[in-house]
Protein backbone atom coordinates (compact mmCIF):
# COMPACT_ATOMS: atom_id res chain seq x y z
CA UNK A 1 0.00 0.00 0.00
CA UNK A 2 1.36 3.39 -1.01
CA UNK A 3 1.46 6.35 1.34
CA UNK A 4 -1.35 8.06 -0.60
CA UNK A 5 -3.67 5.05 -0.52
CA UNK A 6 -2.94 4.58 3.18
CA UNK A 7 -3.73 8.23 3.78
CA UNK A 8 -7.10 7.98 1.99
CA UNK A 9 -7.93 4.79 3.87
CA UNK A 10 -7.23 6.60 7.14
CA UNK A 11 -9.37 9.58 6.08
CA UNK A 12 -12.30 7.35 5.12
CA UNK A 13 -11.98 5.39 8.37
CA UNK A 14 -11.95 8.61 10.40
CA UNK A 15 -14.98 9.87 8.50
CA UNK A 16 -16.84 6.64 9.22
CA UNK A 17 -16.09 6.98 12.94
CA UNK A 18 -17.22 10.59 12.86
CA UNK A 19 -20.53 9.68 11.22
CA UNK A 20 -21.02 6.84 13.67
CA UNK A 21 -20.47 9.27 16.54
CA UNK A 22 -23.12 11.61 15.18
CA UNK A 23 -25.70 8.83 14.85
CA UNK A 24 -29.03 9.60 16.51
CA UNK A 25 -27.90 8.78 20.04
CA UNK A 26 -29.54 12.10 20.98
CA UNK A 27 -32.89 10.88 19.70
CA UNK A 28 -35.24 10.13 22.58
CA UNK A 29 -38.38 8.00 22.37
CA UNK A 30 -41.77 9.62 22.70
CA UNK A 31 -42.42 10.04 26.45
CA UNK A 32 -44.41 7.26 28.04
CA UNK A 33 -47.76 8.41 29.39
CA UNK A 34 -48.69 9.71 31.81
CA UNK A 35 -45.89 12.26 32.07
CA UNK A 36 -45.66 13.29 35.73
CA UNK A 37 -44.12 16.62 36.76
CA UNK A 38 -43.66 16.99 40.50
CA UNK A 39 -43.59 20.26 42.46
CA UNK A 40 -45.49 21.73 39.51
CA UNK A 41 -46.98 25.22 39.43
CA UNK A 42 -47.73 25.42 35.70
CA UNK A 43 -48.29 29.05 34.80
CA UNK A 44 -46.48 32.36 34.97
CA UNK A 45 -46.70 33.85 38.47
CA UNK A 46 -47.91 30.62 40.05
CA UNK A 47 -46.67 30.29 43.61
CA UNK A 48 -47.31 28.05 46.60
CA UNK A 49 -48.47 30.34 49.37
CA UNK A 50 -51.74 31.16 51.17
CA UNK A 51 -54.71 30.58 48.87
CA UNK A 52 -58.42 31.22 49.28
CA UNK A 53 -60.76 28.35 48.47
CA UNK A 54 -63.11 29.44 45.68
CA UNK A 55 -65.16 26.24 45.55
CA UNK A 56 -65.83 23.45 48.04
CA UNK A 57 -63.51 20.49 47.49
CA UNK A 58 -62.66 17.13 48.99
CA UNK A 59 -59.10 16.54 50.19
CA UNK A 60 -57.52 13.18 49.45
CA UNK A 61 -54.60 11.21 50.87
CA UNK A 62 -52.80 11.26 47.50
CA UNK A 63 -53.14 12.40 43.89
CA UNK A 64 -52.59 8.82 42.76
CA UNK A 65 -55.15 6.09 42.20
CA UNK A 66 -56.30 4.39 45.39
CA UNK A 67 -56.49 7.73 47.22
CA UNK A 68 -58.90 8.11 50.12
CA UNK A 69 -60.76 11.19 51.45
CA UNK A 70 -59.05 12.80 54.43
CA UNK A 71 -61.07 16.00 54.78
CA UNK A 72 -62.62 18.87 52.88
CA UNK A 73 -62.25 22.61 52.33
CA UNK A 74 -65.04 25.19 52.02
CA UNK A 75 -65.40 28.27 49.87
CA UNK A 76 -63.77 31.28 51.54
CA UNK A 77 -61.44 29.18 53.68
CA UNK A 78 -57.71 30.06 53.69
CA UNK A 79 -55.25 27.23 53.08
CA UNK A 80 -51.51 26.97 52.54
CA UNK A 81 -50.48 25.71 49.09
CA UNK A 82 -47.73 23.14 49.66
CA UNK A 83 -46.80 21.54 46.33
CA UNK A 84 -48.35 20.23 43.14
CA UNK A 85 -48.23 17.45 40.56
CA UNK A 86 -49.01 17.97 36.88
CA UNK A 87 -50.17 14.96 34.85
CA UNK A 88 -50.14 14.80 31.07
CA UNK A 89 -52.44 11.93 30.18
CA UNK A 90 -52.40 12.94 26.51
CA UNK A 91 -50.26 15.76 25.04
CA UNK A 92 -51.50 18.51 22.73
CA UNK A 93 -50.81 17.73 19.06
CA UNK A 94 -49.42 20.74 17.17
CA UNK A 95 -49.19 20.66 13.38
CA UNK A 96 -46.21 22.38 11.75
CA UNK A 97 -47.26 24.73 8.93
CA UNK A 98 -43.88 26.19 7.93
CA UNK A 99 -40.24 25.19 8.31
CA UNK A 100 -38.88 25.53 11.85
CA UNK A 101 -35.11 25.22 11.29
CA UNK A 102 -34.14 25.36 14.96
CA UNK A 103 -36.17 22.19 15.57
CA UNK A 104 -35.44 20.60 12.20
CA UNK A 105 -39.16 20.49 11.40
CA UNK A 106 -41.09 20.88 8.16
CA UNK A 107 -44.76 21.36 7.19
CA UNK A 108 -46.80 18.33 8.18
CA UNK A 109 -44.61 17.37 11.14
CA UNK A 110 -46.23 17.09 14.57
CA UNK A 111 -45.06 18.59 17.85
CA UNK A 112 -46.32 17.07 21.10
CA UNK A 113 -46.79 19.60 23.91
CA UNK A 114 -46.85 18.56 27.56
CA UNK A 115 -46.78 20.83 30.63
CA UNK A 116 -47.26 24.55 30.02
CA UNK A 117 -44.70 26.67 31.87
CA UNK A 118 -46.09 30.17 31.29
CA UNK A 119 -45.43 33.06 28.90
CA UNK A 120 -45.63 30.74 25.90
CA UNK A 121 -43.03 28.27 27.21
CA UNK A 122 -43.82 24.56 27.47
CA UNK A 123 -42.25 21.10 27.53
CA UNK A 124 -42.39 19.58 24.04
CA UNK A 125 -41.30 16.51 22.09
CA UNK A 126 -40.40 17.35 18.50
CA UNK A 127 -38.38 15.61 15.82
CA UNK A 128 -37.51 12.82 18.20
CA UNK A 129 -36.09 15.15 20.84
CA UNK A 130 -37.31 16.32 24.24
CA UNK A 131 -37.22 20.06 24.96
CA UNK A 132 -37.95 21.40 28.44
CA UNK A 133 -39.32 24.94 28.82
CA UNK A 134 -39.17 25.64 25.09
CA UNK A 135 -40.37 28.96 23.66
CA UNK A 136 -43.56 28.05 21.78
CA UNK A 137 -44.54 31.59 20.81
CA UNK A 138 -44.71 30.42 17.18
CA UNK A 139 -47.77 28.29 18.00
CA UNK A 140 -51.34 29.41 17.35
CA UNK A 141 -53.82 27.90 19.79
CA UNK A 142 -56.89 26.03 18.64
CA UNK A 143 -59.10 29.07 19.37
CA UNK A 144 -56.81 31.38 17.38
CA UNK A 145 -55.05 32.89 20.40
CA UNK A 146 -51.33 32.81 21.07
CA UNK A 147 -48.98 33.57 18.20
CA UNK A 148 -48.97 37.07 16.72
CA UNK A 149 -46.14 36.92 14.16
CA UNK A 150 -44.07 34.19 12.49
CA UNK A 151 -46.77 31.64 13.25
CA UNK A 152 -45.27 28.37 12.06
CA UNK A 153 -47.56 25.88 13.81
CA UNK A 154 -51.12 25.46 15.05
CA UNK A 155 -52.73 23.26 17.69
CA UNK A 156 -54.54 20.46 15.88
CA UNK A 157 -55.94 18.74 18.95
CA UNK A 158 -55.87 19.50 22.67
CA UNK A 159 -54.67 16.84 25.04
CA UNK A 160 -55.79 15.69 28.47
CA UNK A 161 -53.96 17.13 31.46
CA UNK A 162 -54.64 17.63 35.14
CA UNK A 163 -53.01 19.49 38.00
CA UNK A 164 -53.30 18.31 41.59
CA UNK A 165 -52.18 20.38 44.57
CA UNK A 166 -51.43 19.57 48.17
CA UNK A 167 -52.76 22.05 50.70
CA UNK A 168 -52.68 22.41 54.47
CA UNK A 169 -55.61 23.79 56.42
CA UNK A 170 -55.55 25.91 59.60
CA UNK A 171 -56.32 22.83 61.73
CA UNK A 172 -53.31 20.98 60.28
CA UNK A 173 -55.12 18.72 57.83
CA UNK A 174 -52.99 18.06 54.74
CA UNK A 175 -54.47 16.64 51.57
CA UNK A 176 -54.56 16.64 47.78
CA UNK A 177 -57.25 18.00 45.48
CA UNK A 178 -57.75 18.94 41.86
CA UNK A 179 -56.50 22.51 41.42
CA UNK A 180 -58.46 23.92 38.50
CA UNK A 181 -61.14 26.35 39.61
CA UNK A 182 -60.73 25.58 43.29
CA UNK A 183 -58.46 28.37 44.57
CA UNK A 184 -57.83 32.10 44.32
CA UNK A 185 -54.53 33.90 45.05
CA UNK A 186 -52.37 31.39 43.19
CA UNK A 187 -51.01 34.07 40.86
CA UNK A 188 -48.39 36.35 42.45
CA UNK A 189 -48.53 38.62 39.38
CA UNK A 190 -52.26 39.31 39.53
CA UNK A 191 -51.86 42.49 41.60
CA UNK A 192 -54.84 41.49 43.74
CA UNK A 193 -54.44 43.47 46.99
CA UNK A 194 -56.63 41.02 48.85
CA UNK A 195 -54.22 38.23 48.03
CA UNK A 196 -51.14 40.31 48.78
CA UNK A 197 -52.50 41.34 52.18
CA UNK A 198 -53.27 37.70 52.91
CA UNK A 199 -49.55 36.87 52.76
CA UNK A 200 -48.59 39.36 55.44
CA UNK A 201 -47.76 37.94 58.92
């Protein structure tokens, strides 16, 4: 073997190793459902603090199946928000309408959206990759809201998600309940003086 042929063999071998190294090891499988996010407060300004019960609710021993009632809260009652768990039982399906180079997506591709983080950011799975807290301001919601400019994708179908929170009552009872529509004063950015005054010692 001449020096030149040896050199080309070495170059081709190195190229093969390089390509092997860039194989889709970064590709991740579609997340198995349900996707569980612990200590979740899934919107901008959301904070665990003193909340006001806006609707009667049963408190349970857990957010998981097999839970048992441990108490209840009444409208107007003040409780302490402790933590939360967000469950994605089925993600939103978002159809790509124009090329999105930063995600390597093209028209017709589908983005799966999981927990919403606030201000347009969400956890998504796109092109075989998982992105946490990704800026989804390019997405138009199913009702036409959301994106204002450079709208490259639109929600094709909304998923199934739930958010459970753990609260503690004045008498020391701690339990879990479904969060949506059950509490006021969750949003620290609302500017509600009633809620702000509630936090004072």
